[in-house]
Amino acid sequence: MENDVIFIGKKPTMSYVLAILTHINSGHDSVTLKARGMLISKAVDISQLVVRKFSKELKVSSISIGSEEITDKDNNKRMVSYISIDLKR
């Protein structure tokens, strides 16, 4: 199940779209997009792009949001929001 997770970062949007489509076309029935902080909106854009333009068979099955405490390289703790979007056939 952990292999069904794609973490959204700073790569171009179409890189993630291609990764999702490749994952689904390789026989998997679901994929989860995860993003934190300012990349949350990018994850939403990617999920909608895949569902509306590239794969009519995929649907958003669930969305979860929250915040988690992270520690940076200077050992400072802070809260960061996250989103998890599940796409299924």
PDB file of N, CA and C in Angstrom:
ATOM      1  N   MET A   1       0.819  -1.198   0.000  1.00  0.00           N
ATOM      2  CA  MET A   1       0.000   0.000   0.000  1.00  0.00           C
ATOM      3  C   MET A   1       0.858   1.255   0.000  1.00  0.00           C
ATOM      4  N   GLU A   2       2.030   1.194   0.653  1.00  0.00           N
ATOM      5  CA  GLU A   2       2.879   2.370   0.714  1.00  0.00           C
ATOM      6  C   GLU A   2       3.414   2.747  -0.665  1.00  0.00           C
ATOM      7  N   ASN A   3       3.497   1.779  -1.580  1.00  0.00           N
ATOM      8  CA  ASN A   3       3.939   2.069  -2.939  1.00  0.00           C
ATOM      9  C   ASN A   3       2.879   2.819  -3.732  1.00  0.00           C
ATOM     10  N   ASP A   4       1.673   2.899  -3.223  1.00  0.00           N
ATOM     11  CA  ASP A   4       0.588   3.590  -3.896  1.00  0.00           C
ATOM     12  C   ASP A   4       0.548   5.069  -3.539  1.00  0.00           C
ATOM     13  N   VAL A   5       1.604   5.612  -2.929  1.00  0.00           N
ATOM     14  CA  VAL A   5       1.639   7.004  -2.491  1.00  0.00           C
ATOM     15  C   VAL A   5       2.597   7.792  -3.363  1.00  0.00           C
ATOM     16  N   ILE A   6       2.124   8.948  -3.841  1.00  0.00           N
ATOM     17  CA  ILE A   6       2.971   9.879  -4.590  1.00  0.00           C
ATOM     18  C   ILE A   6       3.030  11.173  -3.795  1.00  0.00           C
ATOM     19  N   PHE A   7       4.231  11.556  -3.400  1.00  0.00           N
ATOM     20  CA  PHE A   7       4.420  12.784  -2.644  1.00  0.00           C
ATOM     21  C   PHE A   7       4.635  13.941  -3.618  1.00  0.00           C
ATOM     22  N   ILE A   8       3.843  14.985  -3.466  1.00  0.00           N
ATOM     23  CA  ILE A   8       3.913  16.139  -4.355  1.00  0.00           C
ATOM     24  C   ILE A   8       5.010  17.075  -3.872  1.00  0.00           C
ATOM     25  N   GLY A   9       5.872  17.459  -4.803  1.00  0.00           N
ATOM     26  CA  GLY A   9       6.980  18.351  -4.506  1.00  0.00           C
ATOM     27  C   GLY A   9       7.059  19.470  -5.529  1.00  0.00           C
ATOM     28  N   LYS A  10       8.270  19.823  -5.912  1.00  0.00           N
ATOM     29  CA  LYS A  10       8.472  20.982  -6.780  1.00  0.00           C
ATOM     30  C   LYS A  10       8.708  20.641  -8.242  1.00  0.00           C
ATOM     31  N   LYS A  11       8.530  19.390  -8.618  1.00  0.00           N
ATOM     32  CA  LYS A  11       8.656  19.014 -10.024  1.00  0.00           C
ATOM     33  C   LYS A  11       7.501  19.636 -10.807  1.00  0.00           C
ATOM     34  N   PRO A  12       7.617  19.669 -12.140  1.00  0.00           N
ATOM     35  CA  PRO A  12       6.498  20.180 -12.948  1.00  0.00           C
ATOM     36  C   PRO A  12       5.238  19.323 -12.770  1.00  0.00           C
ATOM     37  N   THR A  13       4.098  19.955 -12.901  1.00  0.00           N
ATOM     38  CA  THR A  13       2.803  19.300 -12.714  1.00  0.00           C
ATOM     39  C   THR A  13       2.654  18.051 -13.572  1.00  0.00           C
ATOM     40  N   MET A  14       3.053  18.139 -14.825  1.00  0.00           N
ATOM     41  CA  MET A  14       2.863  17.005 -15.731  1.00  0.00           C
ATOM     42  C   MET A  14       3.716  15.798 -15.340  1.00  0.00           C
ATOM     43  N   SER A  15       4.780  15.992 -14.588  1.00  0.00           N
ATOM     44  CA  SER A  15       5.566  14.861 -14.087  1.00  0.00           C
ATOM     45  C   SER A  15       4.735  14.006 -13.145  1.00  0.00           C
ATOM     46  N   TYR A  16       3.949  14.658 -12.304  1.00  0.00           N
ATOM     47  CA  TYR A  16       3.090  13.939 -11.360  1.00  0.00           C
ATOM     48  C   TYR A  16       1.903  13.301 -12.072  1.00  0.00           C
ATOM     49  N   VAL A  17       1.341  13.988 -13.068  1.00  0.00           N
ATOM     50  CA  VAL A  17       0.247  13.409 -13.852  1.00  0.00           C
ATOM     51  C   VAL A  17       0.727  12.127 -14.522  1.00  0.00           C
ATOM     52  N   LEU A  18       1.910  12.180 -15.121  1.00  0.00           N
ATOM     53  CA  LEU A  18       2.472  11.002 -15.777  1.00  0.00           C
ATOM     54  C   LEU A  18       2.739   9.881 -14.774  1.00  0.00           C
ATOM     55  N   ALA A  19       3.228  10.223 -13.592  1.00  0.00           N
ATOM     56  CA  ALA A  19       3.475   9.212 -12.561  1.00  0.00           C
ATOM     57  C   ALA A  19       2.182   8.533 -12.131  1.00  0.00           C
ATOM     58  N   ILE A  20       1.104   9.296 -11.993  1.00  0.00           N
ATOM     59  CA  ILE A  20      -0.196   8.737 -11.610  1.00  0.00           C
ATOM     60  C   ILE A  20      -0.712   7.809 -12.700  1.00  0.00           C
ATOM     61  N   LEU A  21      -0.680   8.268 -13.935  1.00  0.00           N
ATOM     62  CA  LEU A  21      -1.189   7.457 -15.045  1.00  0.00           C
ATOM     63  C   LEU A  21      -0.357   6.189 -15.233  1.00  0.00           C
ATOM     64  N   THR A  22       0.944   6.288 -15.077  1.00  0.00           N
ATOM     65  CA  THR A  22       1.810   5.114 -15.178  1.00  0.00           C
ATOM     66  C   THR A  22       1.487   4.113 -14.082  1.00  0.00           C
ATOM     67  N   HIS A  23       1.286   4.614 -12.879  1.00  0.00           N
ATOM     68  CA  HIS A  23       0.950   3.745 -11.740  1.00  0.00           C
ATOM     69  C   HIS A  23      -0.373   3.010 -11.974  1.00  0.00           C
ATOM     70  N   ILE A  24      -1.374   3.728 -12.415  1.00  0.00           N
ATOM     71  CA  ILE A  24      -2.691   3.131 -12.661  1.00  0.00           C
ATOM     72  C   ILE A  24      -2.630   2.148 -13.831  1.00  0.00           C
ATOM     73  N   ASN A  25      -1.923   2.510 -14.894  1.00  0.00           N
ATOM     74  CA  ASN A  25      -1.841   1.635 -16.073  1.00  0.00           C
ATOM     75  C   ASN A  25      -0.995   0.397 -15.831  1.00  0.00           C
ATOM     76  N   SER A  26      -0.235   0.376 -14.752  1.00  0.00           N
ATOM     77  CA  SER A  26       0.570  -0.805 -14.447  1.00  0.00           C
ATOM     78  C   SER A  26      -0.213  -1.831 -13.630  1.00  0.00           C
ATOM     79  N   GLY A  27      -1.513  -1.605 -13.462  1.00  0.00           N
ATOM     80  CA  GLY A  27      -2.359  -2.608 -12.833  1.00  0.00           C
ATOM     81  C   GLY A  27      -2.875  -2.271 -11.451  1.00  0.00           C
ATOM     82  N   HIS A  28      -2.491  -1.152 -10.895  1.00  0.00           N
ATOM     83  CA  HIS A  28      -2.983  -0.761  -9.575  1.00  0.00           C
ATOM     84  C   HIS A  28      -4.367  -0.112  -9.701  1.00  0.00           C
ATOM     85  N   ASP A  29      -5.197  -0.283  -8.685  1.00  0.00           N
ATOM     86  CA  ASP A  29      -6.540   0.281  -8.708  1.00  0.00           C
ATOM     87  C   ASP A  29      -6.643   1.616  -7.995  1.00  0.00           C
ATOM     88  N   SER A  30      -5.606   1.997  -7.242  1.00  0.00           N
ATOM     89  CA  SER A  30      -5.685   3.249  -6.495  1.00  0.00           C
ATOM     90  C   SER A  30      -4.311   3.890  -6.363  1.00  0.00           C
ATOM     91  N   VAL A  31      -4.325   5.170  -6.083  1.00  0.00           N
ATOM     92  CA  VAL A  31      -3.109   5.930  -5.831  1.00  0.00           C
ATOM     93  C   VAL A  31      -3.465   7.056  -4.862  1.00  0.00           C
ATOM     94  N   THR A  32      -2.535   7.407  -3.991  1.00  0.00           N
ATOM     95  CA  THR A  32      -2.749   8.469  -3.017  1.00  0.00           C
ATOM     96  C   THR A  32      -1.746   9.587  -3.256  1.00  0.00           C
ATOM     97  N   LEU A  33      -2.250  10.809  -3.353  1.00  0.00           N
ATOM     98  CA  LEU A  33      -1.395  11.987  -3.474  1.00  0.00           C
ATOM     99  C   LEU A  33      -1.259  12.611  -2.102  1.00  0.00           C
ATOM    100  N   LYS A  34      -0.048  12.957  -1.709  1.00  0.00           N
ATOM    101  CA  LYS A  34       0.167  13.618  -0.424  1.00  0.00           C
ATOM    102  C   LYS A  34       0.993  14.873  -0.652  1.00  0.00           C
ATOM    103  N   ALA A  35       0.602  15.953   0.026  1.00  0.00           N
ATOM    104  CA  ALA A  35       1.328  17.216  -0.080  1.00  0.00           C
ATOM    105  C   ALA A  35       1.230  17.955   1.241  1.00  0.00           C
ATOM    106  N   ARG A  36       2.227  18.808   1.490  1.00  0.00           N
ATOM    107  CA  ARG A  36       2.244  19.614   2.705  1.00  0.00           C
ATOM    108  C   ARG A  36       2.443  21.080   2.352  1.00  0.00           C
ATOM    109  N   GLY A  37       1.960  21.943   3.239  1.00  0.00           N
ATOM    110  CA  GLY A  37       2.215  23.377   3.133  1.00  0.00           C
ATOM    111  C   GLY A  37       1.695  24.011   1.859  1.00  0.00           C
ATOM    112  N   MET A  38       2.566  24.785   1.232  1.00  0.00           N
ATOM    113  CA  MET A  38       2.167  25.545   0.048  1.00  0.00           C
ATOM    114  C   MET A  38       1.924  24.667  -1.170  1.00  0.00           C
ATOM    115  N   LEU A  39       2.280  23.395  -1.106  1.00  0.00           N
ATOM    116  CA  LEU A  39       2.080  22.495  -2.230  1.00  0.00           C
ATOM    117  C   LEU A  39       0.708  21.819  -2.219  1.00  0.00           C
ATOM    118  N   ILE A  40      -0.108  22.130  -1.216  1.00  0.00           N
ATOM    119  CA  ILE A  40      -1.457  21.552  -1.140  1.00  0.00           C
ATOM    120  C   ILE A  40      -2.266  21.925  -2.370  1.00  0.00           C
ATOM    121  N   SER A  41      -2.218  23.174  -2.786  1.00  0.00           N
ATOM    122  CA  SER A  41      -3.002  23.593  -3.950  1.00  0.00           C
ATOM    123  C   SER A  41      -2.521  22.891  -5.215  1.00  0.00           C
ATOM    124  N   LYS A  42      -1.232  22.605  -5.306  1.00  0.00           N
ATOM    125  CA  LYS A  42      -0.707  21.883  -6.458  1.00  0.00           C
ATOM    126  C   LYS A  42      -1.252  20.458  -6.490  1.00  0.00           C
ATOM    127  N   ALA A  43      -1.360  19.824  -5.327  1.00  0.00           N
ATOM    128  CA  ALA A  43      -1.911  18.467  -5.259  1.00  0.00           C
ATOM    129  C   ALA A  43      -3.369  18.448  -5.715  1.00  0.00           C
ATOM    130  N   VAL A  44      -4.132  19.451  -5.310  1.00  0.00           N
ATOM    131  CA  VAL A  44      -5.533  19.543  -5.740  1.00  0.00           C
ATOM    132  C   VAL A  44      -5.601  19.744  -7.251  1.00  0.00           C
ATOM    133  N   ASP A  45      -4.767  20.623  -7.787  1.00  0.00           N
ATOM    134  CA  ASP A  45      -4.735  20.856  -9.235  1.00  0.00           C
ATOM    135  C   ASP A  45      -4.392  19.581  -9.994  1.00  0.00           C
ATOM    136  N   ILE A  46      -3.410  18.851  -9.513  1.00  0.00           N
ATOM    137  CA  ILE A  46      -2.995  17.609 -10.172  1.00  0.00           C
ATOM    138  C   ILE A  46      -4.114  16.576 -10.147  1.00  0.00           C
ATOM    139  N   SER A  47      -4.766  16.423  -9.005  1.00  0.00           N
ATOM    140  CA  SER A  47      -5.845  15.432  -8.912  1.00  0.00           C
ATOM    141  C   SER A  47      -6.987  15.778  -9.858  1.00  0.00           C
ATOM    142  N   GLN A  48      -7.336  17.044  -9.945  1.00  0.00           N
ATOM    143  CA  GLN A  48      -8.427  17.451 -10.828  1.00  0.00           C
ATOM    144  C   GLN A  48      -8.039  17.329 -12.294  1.00  0.00           C
ATOM    145  N   LEU A  49      -6.798  17.616 -12.610  1.00  0.00           N
ATOM    146  CA  LEU A  49      -6.318  17.470 -13.975  1.00  0.00           C
ATOM    147  C   LEU A  49      -6.390  16.016 -14.425  1.00  0.00           C
ATOM    148  N   VAL A  50      -5.985  15.110 -13.556  1.00  0.00           N
ATOM    149  CA  VAL A  50      -6.019  13.677 -13.882  1.00  0.00           C
ATOM    150  C   VAL A  50      -7.461  13.201 -14.048  1.00  0.00           C
ATOM    151  N   VAL A  51      -8.326  13.559 -13.110  1.00  0.00           N
ATOM    152  CA  VAL A  51      -9.708  13.073 -13.127  1.00  0.00           C
ATOM    153  C   VAL A  51     -10.496  13.659 -14.296  1.00  0.00           C
ATOM    154  N   ARG A  52     -10.320  14.917 -14.580  1.00  0.00           N
ATOM    155  CA  ARG A  52     -11.139  15.576 -15.607  1.00  0.00           C
ATOM    156  C   ARG A  52     -10.593  15.458 -17.025  1.00  0.00           C
ATOM    157  N   LYS A  53      -9.282  15.435 -17.194  1.00  0.00           N
ATOM    158  CA  LYS A  53      -8.706  15.488 -18.539  1.00  0.00           C
ATOM    159  C   LYS A  53      -8.091  14.177 -19.022  1.00  0.00           C
ATOM    160  N   PHE A  54      -7.441  13.452 -18.134  1.00  0.00           N
ATOM    161  CA  PHE A  54      -6.627  12.329 -18.586  1.00  0.00           C
ATOM    162  C   PHE A  54      -7.211  10.955 -18.309  1.00  0.00           C
ATOM    163  N   SER A  55      -8.006  10.796 -17.284  1.00  0.00           N
ATOM    164  CA  SER A  55      -8.506   9.465 -16.950  1.00  0.00           C
ATOM    165  C   SER A  55      -9.940   9.565 -16.440  1.00  0.00           C
ATOM    166  N   LYS A  56     -10.874   9.283 -17.314  1.00  0.00           N
ATOM    167  CA  LYS A  56     -12.285   9.333 -16.936  1.00  0.00           C
ATOM    168  C   LYS A  56     -12.660   8.199 -15.985  1.00  0.00           C
ATOM    169  N   GLU A  57     -11.825   7.163 -15.901  1.00  0.00           N
ATOM    170  CA  GLU A  57     -12.138   6.039 -15.015  1.00  0.00           C
ATOM    171  C   GLU A  57     -11.730   6.302 -13.566  1.00  0.00           C
ATOM    172  N   LEU A  58     -10.859   7.270 -13.316  1.00  0.00           N
ATOM    173  CA  LEU A  58     -10.444   7.581 -11.942  1.00  0.00           C
ATOM    174  C   LEU A  58     -11.404   8.568 -11.289  1.00  0.00           C
ATOM    175  N   LYS A  59     -11.649   8.355 -10.014  1.00  0.00           N
ATOM    176  CA  LYS A  59     -12.500   9.249  -9.214  1.00  0.00           C
ATOM    177  C   LYS A  59     -11.801   9.530  -7.894  1.00  0.00           C
ATOM    178  N   VAL A  60     -12.089  10.688  -7.310  1.00  0.00           N
ATOM    179  CA  VAL A  60     -11.578  11.002  -5.977  1.00  0.00           C
ATOM    180  C   VAL A  60     -12.426  10.226  -4.981  1.00  0.00           C
ATOM    181  N   SER A  61     -11.800   9.308  -4.242  1.00  0.00           N
ATOM    182  CA  SER A  61     -12.564   8.482  -3.306  1.00  0.00           C
ATOM    183  C   SER A  61     -12.592   9.073  -1.907  1.00  0.00           C
ATOM    184  N   SER A  62     -11.512   9.730  -1.498  1.00  0.00           N
ATOM    185  CA  SER A  62     -11.514  10.381  -0.184  1.00  0.00           C
ATOM    186  C   SER A  62     -10.419  11.437  -0.122  1.00  0.00           C
ATOM    187  N   ILE A  63     -10.645  12.390   0.762  1.00  0.00           N
ATOM    188  CA  ILE A  63      -9.686  13.461   1.006  1.00  0.00           C
ATOM    189  C   ILE A  63      -9.556  13.621   2.508  1.00  0.00           C
ATOM    190  N   SER A  64      -8.327  13.685   2.983  1.00  0.00           N
ATOM    191  CA  SER A  64      -8.134  13.955   4.402  1.00  0.00           C
ATOM    192  C   SER A  64      -7.146  15.111   4.548  1.00  0.00           C
ATOM    193  N   ILE A  65      -7.427  15.952   5.541  1.00  0.00           N
ATOM    194  CA  ILE A  65      -6.575  17.106   5.799  1.00  0.00           C
ATOM    195  C   ILE A  65      -6.213  17.135   7.272  1.00  0.00           C
ATOM    196  N   GLY A  66      -5.185  17.861   7.590  1.00  0.00           N
ATOM    197  CA  GLY A  66      -4.781  17.994   8.983  1.00  0.00           C
ATOM    198  C   GLY A  66      -3.496  18.783   9.081  1.00  0.00           C
ATOM    199  N   SER A  67      -2.895  18.724  10.238  1.00  0.00           N
ATOM    200  CA  SER A  67      -1.593  19.359  10.423  1.00  0.00           C
ATOM    201  C   SER A  67      -0.727  18.452  11.281  1.00  0.00           C
ATOM    202  N   GLU A  68       0.564  18.544  11.051  1.00  0.00           N
ATOM    203  CA  GLU A  68       1.504  17.714  11.778  1.00  0.00           C
ATOM    204  C   GLU A  68       2.692  18.566  12.202  1.00  0.00           C
ATOM    205  N   GLU A  69       3.324  18.139  13.258  1.00  0.00           N
ATOM    206  CA  GLU A  69       4.487  18.848  13.760  1.00  0.00           C
ATOM    207  C   GLU A  69       5.739  18.288  13.099  1.00  0.00           C
ATOM    208  N   ILE A  70       6.541  19.169  12.520  1.00  0.00           N
ATOM    209  CA  ILE A  70       7.789  18.724  11.916  1.00  0.00           C
ATOM    210  C   ILE A  70       8.957  19.452  12.581  1.00  0.00           C
ATOM    211  N   THR A  71      10.117  18.842  12.504  1.00  0.00           N
ATOM    212  CA  THR A  71      11.334  19.430  13.045  1.00  0.00           C
ATOM    213  C   THR A  71      12.271  19.736  11.886  1.00  0.00           C
ATOM    214  N   ASP A  72      12.724  20.990  11.774  1.00  0.00           N
ATOM    215  CA  ASP A  72      13.614  21.350  10.679  1.00  0.00           C
ATOM    216  C   ASP A  72      15.060  21.034  11.029  1.00  0.00           C
ATOM    217  N   LYS A  73      15.970  21.370  10.135  1.00  0.00           N
ATOM    218  CA  LYS A  73      17.385  21.017  10.330  1.00  0.00           C
ATOM    219  C   LYS A  73      18.028  21.738  11.506  1.00  0.00           C
ATOM    220  N   ASP A  74      17.444  22.865  11.953  1.00  0.00           N
ATOM    221  CA  ASP A  74      17.956  23.594  13.119  1.00  0.00           C
ATOM    222  C   ASP A  74      17.303  23.135  14.415  1.00  0.00           C
ATOM    223  N   ASN A  75      16.561  22.023  14.337  1.00  0.00           N
ATOM    224  CA  ASN A  75      15.875  21.435  15.488  1.00  0.00           C
ATOM    225  C   ASN A  75      14.730  22.296  16.026  1.00  0.00           C
ATOM    226  N   ASN A  76      14.153  23.138  15.155  1.00  0.00           N
ATOM    227  CA  ASN A  76      12.973  23.921  15.519  1.00  0.00           C
ATOM    228  C   ASN A  76      11.727  23.152  15.116  1.00  0.00           C
ATOM    229  N   LYS A  77      10.720  23.161  15.979  1.00  0.00           N
ATOM    230  CA  LYS A  77       9.468  22.464  15.686  1.00  0.00           C
ATOM    231  C   LYS A  77       8.429  23.474  15.216  1.00  0.00           C
ATOM    232  N   ARG A  78       7.635  23.035  14.215  1.00  0.00           N
ATOM    233  CA  ARG A  78       6.548  23.885  13.724  1.00  0.00           C
ATOM    234  C   ARG A  78       5.439  23.009  13.166  1.00  0.00           C
ATOM    235  N   MET A  79       4.253  23.586  13.068  1.00  0.00           N
ATOM    236  CA  MET A  79       3.096  22.875  12.537  1.00  0.00           C
ATOM    237  C   MET A  79       2.972  23.155  11.038  1.00  0.00           C
ATOM    238  N   VAL A  80       2.705  22.090  10.271  1.00  0.00           N
ATOM    239  CA  VAL A  80       2.542  22.204   8.829  1.00  0.00           C
ATOM    240  C   VAL A  80       1.265  21.470   8.433  1.00  0.00           C
ATOM    241  N   SER A  81       0.452  22.114   7.611  1.00  0.00           N
ATOM    242  CA  SER A  81      -0.779  21.493   7.117  1.00  0.00           C
ATOM    243  C   SER A  81      -0.452  20.473   6.032  1.00  0.00           C
ATOM    244  N   TYR A  82      -1.323  19.458   5.904  1.00  0.00           N
ATOM    245  CA  TYR A  82      -1.141  18.463   4.847  1.00  0.00           C
ATOM    246  C   TYR A  82      -2.489  18.080   4.258  1.00  0.00           C
ATOM    247  N   ILE A  83      -2.436  17.475   3.069  1.00  0.00           N
ATOM    248  CA  ILE A  83      -3.627  16.923   2.425  1.00  0.00           C
ATOM    249  C   ILE A  83      -3.246  15.566   1.852  1.00  0.00           C
ATOM    250  N   SER A  84      -4.195  14.659   1.882  1.00  0.00           N
ATOM    251  CA  SER A  84      -4.039  13.339   1.300  1.00  0.00           C
ATOM    252  C   SER A  84      -5.270  13.084   0.414  1.00  0.00           C
ATOM    253  N   ILE A  85      -5.047  12.873  -0.869  1.00  0.00           N
ATOM    254  CA  ILE A  85      -6.139  12.678  -1.832  1.00  0.00           C
ATOM    255  C   ILE A  85      -6.038  11.273  -2.393  1.00  0.00           C
ATOM    256  N   ASP A  86      -7.078  10.469  -2.199  1.00  0.00           N
ATOM    257  CA  ASP A  86      -7.116   9.099  -2.716  1.00  0.00           C
ATOM    258  C   ASP A  86      -7.877   9.075  -4.042  1.00  0.00           C
ATOM    259  N   LEU A  87      -7.248   8.526  -5.061  1.00  0.00           N
ATOM    260  CA  LEU A  87      -7.889   8.336  -6.364  1.00  0.00           C
ATOM    261  C   LEU A  87      -8.059   6.846  -6.588  1.00  0.00           C
ATOM    262  N   LYS A  88      -9.261   6.439  -7.027  1.00  0.00           N
ATOM    263  CA  LYS A  88      -9.542   5.028  -7.285  1.00  0.00           C
ATOM    264  C   LYS A  88     -10.283   4.873  -8.601  1.00  0.00           C
ATOM    265  N   ARG A  89     -10.145   3.659  -9.162  1.00  0.00           N
ATOM    266  CA  ARG A  89     -10.912   3.342 -10.373  1.00  0.00           C
ATOM    267  C   ARG A  89     -12.362   3.163 -10.063  1.00  0.00           C
TER     268      ARG A  89
END
